[in-house]
C-alpha atoms as a PDB file:
ATOM      1  CA  MET A   1     -59.143-134.282 -20.864  1.00  0.00           C
ATOM      2  CA  SER A   2     -60.341-135.255 -17.413  1.00  0.00           C
ATOM      3  CA  ASP A   3     -60.770-132.817 -14.558  1.00  0.00           C
ATOM      4  CA  ASN A   4     -59.804-135.655 -12.160  1.00  0.00           C
ATOM      5  CA  HIS A   5     -63.332-135.908 -10.795  1.00  0.00           C
ATOM      6  CA  PRO A   6     -63.927-139.631 -10.077  1.00  0.00           C
ATOM      7  CA  ALA A   7     -67.108-139.749 -12.189  1.00  0.00           C
ATOM      8  CA  ASN A   8     -65.351-138.120 -15.164  1.00  0.00           C
ATOM      9  CA  THR A   9     -62.313-140.354 -14.796  1.00  0.00           C
ATOM     10  CA  ASN A  10     -64.511-143.465 -14.741  1.00  0.00           C
ATOM     11  CA  MET A  11     -66.562-142.247 -17.713  1.00  0.00           C
ATOM     12  CA  GLU A  12     -63.367-141.435 -19.607  1.00  0.00           C
ATOM     13  CA  SER A  13     -61.912-144.892 -18.878  1.00  0.00           C
ATOM     14  CA  GLN A  14     -65.097-146.596 -20.067  1.00  0.00           C
ATOM     15  CA  LEU A  15     -65.153-144.453 -23.201  1.00  0.00           C
ATOM     16  CA  ILE A  16     -61.510-145.245 -23.999  1.00  0.00           C
ATOM     17  CA  GLU A  17     -62.187-148.955 -23.489  1.00  0.00           C
ATOM     18  CA  ARG A  18     -65.207-148.810 -25.826  1.00  0.00           C
ATOM     19  CA  LEU A  19     -63.294-146.862 -28.470  1.00  0.00           C
ATOM     20  CA  HIS A  20     -60.344-149.247 -28.175  1.00  0.00           C
ATOM     21  CA  LYS A  21     -62.636-152.199 -28.943  1.00  0.00           C
ATOM     22  CA  MET A  22     -64.268-150.313 -31.825  1.00  0.00           C
ATOM     23  CA  VAL A  23     -60.944-149.261 -33.383  1.00  0.00           C
ATOM     24  CA  HIS A  24     -59.476-152.755 -33.117  1.00  0.00           C
ATOM     25  CA  ARG A  25     -62.647-154.330 -34.556  1.00  0.00           C
ATOM     26  CA  TRP A  26     -62.752-151.912 -37.497  1.00  0.00           C
ATOM     27  CA  PRO A  27     -60.129-153.751 -39.635  1.00  0.00           C
ATOM     28  CA  GLU A  28     -62.120-156.984 -39.335  1.00  0.00           C
ATOM     29  CA  VAL A  29     -65.268-155.426 -40.767  1.00  0.00           C
ATOM     30  CA  SER A  30     -63.771-152.877 -43.157  1.00  0.00           C
ATOM     31  CA  GLY A  31     -60.761-154.609 -44.685  1.00  0.00           C
ATOM     32  CA  CYS A  32     -58.563-151.691 -43.603  1.00  0.00           C
ATOM     33  CA  TYR A  33     -55.391-151.968 -41.551  1.00  0.00           C
ATOM     34  CA  LEU A  34     -54.418-150.272 -38.305  1.00  0.00           C
ATOM     35  CA  GLN A  35     -51.278-148.209 -38.016  1.00  0.00           C
ATOM     36  CA  PRO A  36     -48.649-150.733 -36.862  1.00  0.00           C
ATOM     37  CA  GLU A  37     -47.261-148.387 -34.185  1.00  0.00           C
ATOM     38  CA  ALA A  38     -49.429-148.857 -31.084  1.00  0.00           C
ATOM     39  CA  HIS A  39     -48.639-145.411 -29.658  1.00  0.00           C
ATOM     40  CA  VAL A  40     -50.138-143.793 -32.770  1.00  0.00           C
ATOM     41  CA  VAL A  41     -53.349-145.836 -32.452  1.00  0.00           C
ATOM     42  CA  ASP A  42     -53.522-144.997 -28.726  1.00  0.00           C
ATOM     43  CA  GLY A  43     -53.120-141.309 -29.519  1.00  0.00           C
ATOM     44  CA  ILE A  44     -56.003-141.469 -31.976  1.00  0.00           C
ATOM     45  CA  ILE A  45     -58.190-143.331 -29.465  1.00  0.00           C
ATOM     46  CA  HIS A  46     -57.460-140.717 -26.792  1.00  0.00           C
ATOM     47  CA  GLY A  47     -58.161-137.934 -29.303  1.00  0.00           C
ATOM     48  CA  LEU A  48     -61.506-139.511 -30.176  1.00  0.00           C
ATOM     49  CA  ALA A  49     -62.317-139.803 -26.465  1.00  0.00           C
ATOM     50  CA  ARG A  50     -61.359-136.167 -25.871  1.00  0.00           C
ATOM     51  CA  SER A  51     -63.634-135.069 -28.735  1.00  0.00           C
ATOM     52  CA  GLN A  52     -66.485-137.173 -27.335  1.00  0.00           C
ATOM     53  CA  MET A  53     -66.039-135.692 -23.847  1.00  0.00           C
ATOM     54  CA  MET A  54     -65.714-132.102 -25.090  1.00  0.00           C
ATOM     55  CA  PHE A  55     -68.143-131.974 -28.007  1.00  0.00           C
ATOM     56  CA  GLY A  56     -70.414-134.992 -27.583  1.00  0.00           C
ATOM     57  CA  HIS A  57     -69.129-136.653 -30.781  1.00  0.00           C
ATOM     58  CA  SER A  58     -66.001-138.678 -31.550  1.00  0.00           C
ATOM     59  CA  TYR A  59     -64.657-136.311 -34.167  1.00  0.00           C
ATOM     60  CA  CYS A  60     -61.421-137.472 -35.762  1.00  0.00           C
ATOM     61  CA  PRO A  61     -58.504-135.790 -34.004  1.00  0.00           C
END
């Protein structure tokens, strides 16, 4: 996802942090549940970040 440029790496890290907060807040406001396996949730978060970086929108991976 990142081309290892420091600005892109920092932007990607900030985006992943923001998406992580959003995804973990979602069950509180929606009544839904997260997948219990953390690696699956992390994969989805990274997929959302990749979509945001590539297309400008956090399309579902």
